Amino acid sequence: MKKRIAPSPRRPANQKKTRIAIVEDELLLANMLEDLLSRFRDLTVVGCAADGEAGWQLCQTTQPDLALVDIELPKVDGLKLIQRLAGAYPRMRLLSMSGLMDAYTIWSVMQCGAHGYVDKTQTPELLVEAIRAVARGNTFFGPTFSQVRQEWLARPEAFQKILSEREQEVLRGVVAGWDDGRIGTELGISAATIEVHRKRIRQKVGVHNDRGLLFYARQWGLDTRIQRGS
């Protein structure tokens, strides 16, 4: 029998509910999350949005206490949305979620200003625990997150230690199968500059061709999050 989460104990009449905005592009999952959180007397959902731009508008309109944001969103990437919200609303608590646990994703979450991260493979109980912890002003990063951060990102050869952010962007374009012209257009620089970046990246990671670059990118997870919208 599937285990159900027991609702929280009756809260005092004067206890303020945590107002939550959900930004998740999978409609079924968004509806399930809204249904789950509605079972708890100390939590309430103020709205759901299916892409990053709609999530920005939702948070502007509703001013939630906490935004629960999937990091893989169309139109505006979830981590860019979190970074934007952190800058505009410093009091808003920001909890990211994803099914990805590669080194690149973990590093990106660490850079964006999120107060927590929940792996989608974890239990609903853990999600509620994370929401409550982050809403109280704490941070919540699970054990797998910490393990990847310690075991992979601490390595001397870790991508963030040897590649600049621009070089990471170029490498992700290579992984997407874009030629130098397309990468240059996306990044606002010339194709000739992209070619220079490619050569420099190969030198830094110790490979001789694009096949080697692809292997390196997959090893660190830079192939998992190709931009889905801008």
C-alpha atoms as a PDB file:
ATOM      1  CA  MET A   1       0.000   0.000   0.000  1.00  0.00           C
ATOM      2  CA  LYS A   2       1.328   3.408  -0.945  1.00  0.00           C
ATOM      3  CA  LYS A   3       2.278   5.469   2.085  1.00  0.00           C
ATOM      4  CA  ARG A   4       0.344   8.703   2.520  1.00  0.00           C
ATOM      5  CA  ILE A   5       1.778  11.750   4.200  1.00  0.00           C
ATOM      6  CA  ALA A   6      -0.103  12.681   7.326  1.00  0.00           C
ATOM      7  CA  PRO A   7      -1.200  16.321   7.428  1.00  0.00           C
ATOM      8  CA  SER A   8       0.625  18.511   9.907  1.00  0.00           C
ATOM      9  CA  PRO A   9      -0.900  18.959  13.375  1.00  0.00           C
ATOM     10  CA  ARG A  10      -3.470  21.696  13.809  1.00  0.00           C
ATOM     11  CA  ARG A  11      -1.657  25.002  13.801  1.00  0.00           C
ATOM     12  CA  PRO A  12      -2.393  27.846  16.200  1.00  0.00           C
ATOM     13  CA  ALA A  13      -4.891  30.347  14.836  1.00  0.00           C
ATOM     14  CA  ASN A  14      -2.254  33.083  14.716  1.00  0.00           C
ATOM     15  CA  GLN A  15       0.405  31.044  12.871  1.00  0.00           C
ATOM     16  CA  LYS A  16       1.147  32.450   9.445  1.00  0.00           C
ATOM     17  CA  LYS A  17       0.937  30.087   6.489  1.00  0.00           C
ATOM     18  CA  THR A  18       3.913  29.787   4.122  1.00  0.00           C
ATOM     19  CA  ARG A  19       2.723  31.053   0.730  1.00  0.00           C
ATOM     20  CA  ILE A  20       4.288  29.042  -2.094  1.00  0.00           C
ATOM     21  CA  ALA A  21       4.556  29.640  -5.842  1.00  0.00           C
ATOM     22  CA  ILE A  22       5.230  26.540  -7.965  1.00  0.00           C
ATOM     23  CA  VAL A  23       7.137  26.927 -11.230  1.00  0.00           C
ATOM     24  CA  GLU A  24       7.069  23.577 -13.032  1.00  0.00           C
ATOM     25  CA  ASP A  25       6.516  22.923 -16.746  1.00  0.00           C
ATOM     26  CA  GLU A  26       5.177  19.370 -16.362  1.00  0.00           C
ATOM     27  CA  LEU A  27       1.477  19.963 -15.737  1.00  0.00           C
ATOM     28  CA  LEU A  28       0.838  16.600 -14.084  1.00  0.00           C
ATOM     29  CA  LEU A  29       3.693  17.097 -11.612  1.00  0.00           C
ATOM     30  CA  ALA A  30       2.646  20.689 -10.898  1.00  0.00           C
ATOM     31  CA  ASN A  31      -0.894  19.524 -10.097  1.00  0.00           C
ATOM     32  CA  MET A  32       0.433  16.737  -7.867  1.00  0.00           C
ATOM     33  CA  LEU A  33       2.645  19.194  -5.983  1.00  0.00           C
ATOM     34  CA  GLU A  34      -0.229  21.602  -5.487  1.00  0.00           C
ATOM     35  CA  ASP A  35      -2.436  18.774  -4.209  1.00  0.00           C
ATOM     36  CA  LEU A  36       0.311  17.525  -1.882  1.00  0.00           C
ATOM     37  CA  LEU A  37       1.057  20.892  -0.323  1.00  0.00           C
ATOM     38  CA  SER A  38      -2.617  21.755   0.102  1.00  0.00           C
ATOM     39  CA  ARG A  39      -2.877  18.931   2.688  1.00  0.00           C
ATOM     40  CA  PHE A  40      -0.790  20.849   5.203  1.00  0.00           C
ATOM     41  CA  ARG A  41      -2.286  23.579   7.359  1.00  0.00           C
ATOM     42  CA  ASP A  42       0.951  25.552   7.486  1.00  0.00           C
ATOM     43  CA  LEU A  43       1.402  25.650   3.680  1.00  0.00           C
ATOM     44  CA  THR A  44      -0.622  27.204   0.881  1.00  0.00           C
ATOM     45  CA  VAL A  45      -0.057  27.430  -2.878  1.00  0.00           C
ATOM     46  CA  VAL A  46      -0.668  30.875  -4.381  1.00  0.00           C
ATOM     47  CA  GLY A  47      -0.302  29.750  -7.984  1.00  0.00           C
ATOM     48  CA  CYS A  48       1.516  27.639 -10.559  1.00  0.00           C
ATOM     49  CA  ALA A  49       3.458  28.653 -13.664  1.00  0.00           C
ATOM     50  CA  ALA A  50       4.608  26.445 -16.543  1.00  0.00           C
ATOM     51  CA  ASP A  51       7.673  28.372 -17.734  1.00  0.00           C
ATOM     52  CA  GLY A  52      10.319  30.736 -16.437  1.00  0.00           C
ATOM     53  CA  GLU A  53       8.754  33.918 -17.781  1.00  0.00           C
ATOM     54  CA  ALA A  54       5.333  33.018 -16.384  1.00  0.00           C
ATOM     55  CA  GLY A  55       7.069  32.145 -13.102  1.00  0.00           C
ATOM     56  CA  TRP A  56       8.578  35.623 -12.948  1.00  0.00           C
ATOM     57  CA  GLN A  57       5.167  37.201 -13.565  1.00  0.00           C
ATOM     58  CA  LEU A  58       3.545  34.931 -10.946  1.00  0.00           C
ATOM     59  CA  CYS A  59       6.099  35.853  -8.295  1.00  0.00           C
ATOM     60  CA  GLN A  60       5.786  39.547  -9.110  1.00  0.00           C
ATOM     61  CA  THR A  61       2.007  39.371  -8.780  1.00  0.00           C
ATOM     62  CA  THR A  62       1.645  37.129  -5.716  1.00  0.00           C
ATOM     63  CA  GLN A  63       4.849  37.944  -3.776  1.00  0.00           C
ATOM     64  CA  PRO A  64       5.099  34.421  -2.256  1.00  0.00           C
ATOM     65  CA  ASP A  65       7.138  33.599   0.822  1.00  0.00           C
ATOM     66  CA  LEU A  66       8.796  30.767  -1.113  1.00  0.00           C
ATOM     67  CA  ALA A  67       9.187  29.884  -4.790  1.00  0.00           C
ATOM     68  CA  LEU A  68       9.580  26.197  -5.665  1.00  0.00           C
ATOM     69  CA  VAL A  69      11.337  26.218  -9.046  1.00  0.00           C
ATOM     70  CA  ASP A  70      12.200  23.412 -11.450  1.00  0.00           C
ATOM     71  CA  ILE A  71      15.613  24.213 -12.923  1.00  0.00           C
ATOM     72  CA  GLU A  72      14.704  22.946 -16.420  1.00  0.00           C
ATOM     73  CA  LEU A  73      12.145  25.401 -17.757  1.00  0.00           C
ATOM     74  CA  PRO A  74      11.240  26.775 -21.192  1.00  0.00           C
ATOM     75  CA  LYS A  75      11.540  30.489 -22.048  1.00  0.00           C
ATOM     76  CA  VAL A  76      13.670  31.365 -19.007  1.00  0.00           C
ATOM     77  CA  ASP A  77      15.960  28.753 -17.448  1.00  0.00           C
ATOM     78  CA  GLY A  78      14.976  27.907 -13.862  1.00  0.00           C
ATOM     79  CA  LEU A  79      18.344  28.844 -12.385  1.00  0.00           C
ATOM     80  CA  LYS A  80      18.283  32.176 -14.222  1.00  0.00           C
ATOM     81  CA  LEU A  81      14.820  32.751 -12.811  1.00  0.00           C
ATOM     82  CA  ILE A  82      16.076  32.023  -9.287  1.00  0.00           C
ATOM     83  CA  GLN A  83      18.985  34.415  -9.787  1.00  0.00           C
ATOM     84  CA  ARG A  84      16.584  37.077 -11.037  1.00  0.00           C
ATOM     85  CA  LEU A  85      14.209  36.571  -8.103  1.00  0.00           C
ATOM     86  CA  ALA A  86      17.075  36.637  -5.603  1.00  0.00           C
ATOM     87  CA  GLY A  87      18.160  40.021  -6.924  1.00  0.00           C
ATOM     88  CA  ALA A  88      14.678  41.546  -7.042  1.00  0.00           C
ATOM     89  CA  TYR A  89      13.179  40.012  -3.893  1.00  0.00           C
ATOM     90  CA  PRO A  90      15.918  39.316  -1.323  1.00  0.00           C
ATOM     91  CA  ARG A  91      13.369  38.253   1.324  1.00  0.00           C
ATOM     92  CA  MET A  92      11.816  35.583  -0.919  1.00  0.00           C
ATOM     93  CA  ARG A  93      12.982  32.040  -0.162  1.00  0.00           C
ATOM     94  CA  LEU A  94      14.036  30.017  -3.200  1.00  0.00           C
ATOM     95  CA  LEU A  95      13.965  26.222  -3.407  1.00  0.00           C
ATOM     96  CA  SER A  96      15.156  24.529  -6.612  1.00  0.00           C
ATOM     97  CA  MET A  97      14.260  21.029  -7.754  1.00  0.00           C
ATOM     98  CA  SER A  98      15.342  18.705 -10.545  1.00  0.00           C
ATOM     99  CA  GLY A  99      15.932  15.105 -11.476  1.00  0.00           C
ATOM    100  CA  LEU A 100      19.550  15.945 -12.357  1.00  0.00           C
ATOM    101  CA  MET A 101      22.395  15.331  -9.922  1.00  0.00           C
ATOM    102  CA  ASP A 102      25.473  15.777 -12.118  1.00  0.00           C
ATOM    103  CA  ALA A 103      28.413  17.975 -11.164  1.00  0.00           C
ATOM    104  CA  TYR A 104      27.482  20.793 -13.552  1.00  0.00           C
ATOM    105  CA  THR A 105      23.933  21.026 -12.179  1.00  0.00           C
ATOM    106  CA  ILE A 106      25.136  21.020  -8.572  1.00  0.00           C
ATOM    107  CA  TRP A 107      27.684  23.736  -9.332  1.00  0.00           C
ATOM    108  CA  SER A 108      25.050  25.812 -11.165  1.00  0.00           C
ATOM    109  CA  VAL A 109      22.656  25.576  -8.210  1.00  0.00           C
ATOM    110  CA  MET A 110      25.445  26.751  -5.916  1.00  0.00           C
ATOM    111  CA  GLN A 111      25.984  29.833  -8.099  1.00  0.00           C
ATOM    112  CA  CYS A 112      22.395  31.005  -8.575  1.00  0.00           C
ATOM    113  CA  GLY A 113      21.417  31.962  -5.023  1.00  0.00           C
ATOM    114  CA  ALA A 114      19.022  29.103  -4.251  1.00  0.00           C
ATOM    115  CA  HIS A 115      18.451  28.362  -0.573  1.00  0.00           C
ATOM    116  CA  GLY A 116      17.941  24.668  -1.230  1.00  0.00           C
ATOM    117  CA  TYR A 117      17.776  21.840  -3.733  1.00  0.00           C
ATOM    118  CA  VAL A 118      15.490  18.812  -3.862  1.00  0.00           C
ATOM    119  CA  ASP A 119      16.175  15.819  -6.062  1.00  0.00           C
ATOM    120  CA  LYS A 120      12.904  14.769  -7.757  1.00  0.00           C
ATOM    121  CA  THR A 121      13.663  11.131  -7.026  1.00  0.00           C
ATOM    122  CA  GLN A 122      13.318  11.802  -3.297  1.00  0.00           C
ATOM    123  CA  THR A 123      10.139  11.280  -1.266  1.00  0.00           C
ATOM    124  CA  PRO A 124       7.281  13.773  -0.814  1.00  0.00           C
ATOM    125  CA  GLU A 125       8.139  13.790   2.891  1.00  0.00           C
ATOM    126  CA  LEU A 126      11.600  15.121   2.074  1.00  0.00           C
ATOM    127  CA  LEU A 127      10.160  17.852  -0.140  1.00  0.00           C
ATOM    128  CA  VAL A 128       7.864  19.058   2.651  1.00  0.00           C
ATOM    129  CA  GLU A 129      10.789  18.951   5.076  1.00  0.00           C
ATOM    130  CA  ALA A 130      12.872  21.020   2.645  1.00  0.00           C
ATOM    131  CA  ILE A 131      10.096  23.581   2.132  1.00  0.00           C
ATOM    132  CA  ARG A 132       9.640  24.060   5.857  1.00  0.00           C
ATOM    133  CA  ALA A 133      13.375  24.320   6.507  1.00  0.00           C
ATOM    134  CA  VAL A 134      13.933  26.886   3.754  1.00  0.00           C
ATOM    135  CA  ALA A 135      10.824  28.844   4.761  1.00  0.00           C
ATOM    136  CA  ARG A 136      12.236  29.135   8.306  1.00  0.00           C
ATOM    137  CA  GLY A 137      15.360  30.794   6.946  1.00  0.00           C
ATOM    138  CA  ASN A 138      17.591  27.719   6.805  1.00  0.00           C
ATOM    139  CA  THR A 139      19.137  26.003   3.789  1.00  0.00           C
ATOM    140  CA  PHE A 140      18.355  22.482   2.614  1.00  0.00           C
ATOM    141  CA  PHE A 141      20.679  20.518   0.367  1.00  0.00           C
ATOM    142  CA  GLY A 142      20.295  16.746   0.521  1.00  0.00           C
ATOM    143  CA  PRO A 143      23.029  14.139   1.081  1.00  0.00           C
ATOM    144  CA  THR A 144      23.451  13.318  -2.629  1.00  0.00           C
ATOM    145  CA  PHE A 145      23.955  17.004  -3.394  1.00  0.00           C
ATOM    146  CA  SER A 146      26.649  17.237  -0.726  1.00  0.00           C
ATOM    147  CA  GLN A 147      28.306  14.056  -1.946  1.00  0.00           C
ATOM    148  CA  VAL A 148      28.587  15.285  -5.545  1.00  0.00           C
ATOM    149  CA  ARG A 149      29.866  18.650  -4.338  1.00  0.00           C
ATOM    150  CA  GLN A 150      32.569  17.035  -2.194  1.00  0.00           C
ATOM    151  CA  GLU A 151      33.604  14.148  -4.431  1.00  0.00           C
ATOM    152  CA  TRP A 152      33.433  15.797  -7.857  1.00  0.00           C
ATOM    153  CA  LEU A 153      33.628  19.567  -7.534  1.00  0.00           C
ATOM    154  CA  ALA A 154      36.555  19.367  -5.115  1.00  0.00           C
ATOM    155  CA  ARG A 155      38.737  17.599  -7.692  1.00  0.00           C
ATOM    156  CA  PRO A 156      41.651  19.595  -9.167  1.00  0.00           C
ATOM    157  CA  GLU A 157      40.460  18.699 -12.691  1.00  0.00           C
ATOM    158  CA  ALA A 158      36.859  19.780 -12.037  1.00  0.00           C
ATOM    159  CA  PHE A 159      35.444  21.781 -14.951  1.00  0.00           C
ATOM    160  CA  GLN A 160      34.741  24.932 -12.913  1.00  0.00           C
ATOM    161  CA  LYS A 161      38.403  25.082 -11.867  1.00  0.00           C
ATOM    162  CA  ILE A 162      39.856  24.933 -15.364  1.00  0.00           C
ATOM    163  CA  LEU A 163      37.186  26.409 -17.664  1.00  0.00           C
ATOM    164  CA  SER A 164      35.887  29.964 -17.563  1.00  0.00           C
ATOM    165  CA  GLU A 165      32.129  30.535 -17.684  1.00  0.00           C
ATOM    166  CA  ARG A 166      32.446  31.583 -21.335  1.00  0.00           C
ATOM    167  CA  GLU A 167      34.339  28.395 -22.138  1.00  0.00           C
ATOM    168  CA  GLN A 168      31.632  26.368 -20.414  1.00  0.00           C
ATOM    169  CA  GLU A 169      29.026  28.095 -22.596  1.00  0.00           C
ATOM    170  CA  VAL A 170      31.017  27.319 -25.724  1.00  0.00           C
ATOM    171  CA  LEU A 171      31.446  23.691 -24.701  1.00  0.00           C
ATOM    172  CA  ARG A 172      27.726  23.331 -24.129  1.00  0.00           C
ATOM    173  CA  GLY A 173      27.171  24.670 -27.643  1.00  0.00           C
ATOM    174  CA  VAL A 174      29.556  22.047 -28.995  1.00  0.00           C
ATOM    175  CA  VAL A 175      27.632  19.363 -27.104  1.00  0.00           C
ATOM    176  CA  ALA A 176      24.391  20.653 -28.646  1.00  0.00           C
ATOM    177  CA  GLY A 177      25.902  20.020 -32.097  1.00  0.00           C
ATOM    178  CA  TRP A 178      26.063  23.683 -33.057  1.00  0.00           C
ATOM    179  CA  ASP A 179      28.746  24.917 -35.443  1.00  0.00           C
ATOM    180  CA  ASP A 180      30.954  27.899 -34.598  1.00  0.00           C
ATOM    181  CA  GLY A 181      28.610  30.310 -36.376  1.00  0.00           C
ATOM    182  CA  ARG A 182      25.563  29.187 -34.387  1.00  0.00           C
ATOM    183  CA  ILE A 183      27.453  29.227 -31.075  1.00  0.00           C
ATOM    184  CA  GLY A 184      28.771  32.701 -31.871  1.00  0.00           C
ATOM    185  CA  THR A 185      25.286  33.962 -32.676  1.00  0.00           C
ATOM    186  CA  GLU A 186      23.890  32.530 -29.434  1.00  0.00           C
ATOM    187  CA  LEU A 187      26.687  34.076 -27.352  1.00  0.00           C
ATOM    188  CA  GLY A 188      26.989  37.340 -29.254  1.00  0.00           C
ATOM    189  CA  ILE A 189      30.593  36.840 -30.391  1.00  0.00           C
ATOM    190  CA  SER A 190      32.242  35.986 -33.699  1.00  0.00           C
ATOM    191  CA  ALA A 191      32.717  32.494 -35.125  1.00  0.00           C
ATOM    192  CA  ALA A 192      36.473  33.141 -35.193  1.00  0.00           C
ATOM    193  CA  THR A 193      36.436  33.787 -31.448  1.00  0.00           C
ATOM    194  CA  ILE A 194      34.496  30.559 -30.920  1.00  0.00           C
ATOM    195  CA  GLU A 195      37.181  28.659 -32.829  1.00  0.00           C
ATOM    196  CA  VAL A 196      39.834  30.126 -30.521  1.00  0.00           C
ATOM    197  CA  HIS A 197      37.768  29.090 -27.495  1.00  0.00           C
ATOM    198  CA  ARG A 198      37.431  25.536 -28.844  1.00  0.00           C
ATOM    199  CA  LYS A 199      41.196  25.204 -29.207  1.00  0.00           C
ATOM    200  CA  ARG A 200      41.814  26.625 -25.753  1.00  0.00           C
ATOM    201  CA  ILE A 201      39.254  24.272 -24.191  1.00  0.00           C
ATOM    202  CA  ARG A 202      40.857  21.244 -25.870  1.00  0.00           C
ATOM    203  CA  GLN A 203      44.232  22.310 -24.514  1.00  0.00           C
ATOM    204  CA  LYS A 204      42.904  22.808 -20.985  1.00  0.00           C
ATOM    205  CA  VAL A 205      41.095  19.462 -20.752  1.00  0.00           C
ATOM    206  CA  GLY A 206      43.778  17.526 -22.626  1.00  0.00           C
ATOM    207  CA  VAL A 207      41.854  16.278 -25.679  1.00  0.00           C
ATOM    208  CA  HIS A 208      42.555  16.546 -29.402  1.00  0.00           C
ATOM    209  CA  ASN A 209      39.142  16.683 -31.084  1.00  0.00           C
ATOM    210  CA  ASP A 210      35.422  17.263 -30.565  1.00  0.00           C
ATOM    211  CA  ARG A 211      34.874  13.609 -29.683  1.00  0.00           C
ATOM    212  CA  GLY A 212      37.172  14.133 -26.713  1.00  0.00           C
ATOM    213  CA  LEU A 213      35.290  17.311 -25.808  1.00  0.00           C
ATOM    214  CA  LEU A 214      31.982  15.428 -25.839  1.00  0.00           C
ATOM    215  CA  PHE A 215      33.374  12.722 -23.568  1.00  0.00           C
ATOM    216  CA  TYR A 216      34.665  15.351 -21.136  1.00  0.00           C
ATOM    217  CA  ALA A 217      31.364  17.252 -21.179  1.00  0.00           C
ATOM    218  CA  ARG A 218      29.350  14.105 -20.461  1.00  0.00           C
ATOM    219  CA  GLN A 219      31.672  13.107 -17.652  1.00  0.00           C
ATOM    220  CA  TRP A 220      30.924  16.358 -15.815  1.00  0.00           C
ATOM    221  CA  GLY A 221      27.283  16.744 -16.840  1.00  0.00           C
ATOM    222  CA  LEU A 222      27.689  19.713 -19.154  1.00  0.00           C
ATOM    223  CA  ASP A 223      25.596  17.841 -21.724  1.00  0.00           C
ATOM    224  CA  THR A 224      22.520  17.609 -19.498  1.00  0.00           C
ATOM    225  CA  ARG A 225      21.207  21.161 -19.535  1.00  0.00           C
ATOM    226  CA  ILE A 226      21.171  22.648 -23.015  1.00  0.00           C
ATOM    227  CA  GLN A 227      19.288  25.945 -22.912  1.00  0.00           C
ATOM    228  CA  ARG A 228      15.590  25.441 -23.697  1.00  0.00           C
ATOM    229  CA  GLY A 229      14.654  29.062 -24.076  1.00  0.00           C
ATOM    230  CA  SER A 230      15.841  32.571 -23.409  1.00  0.00           C
END
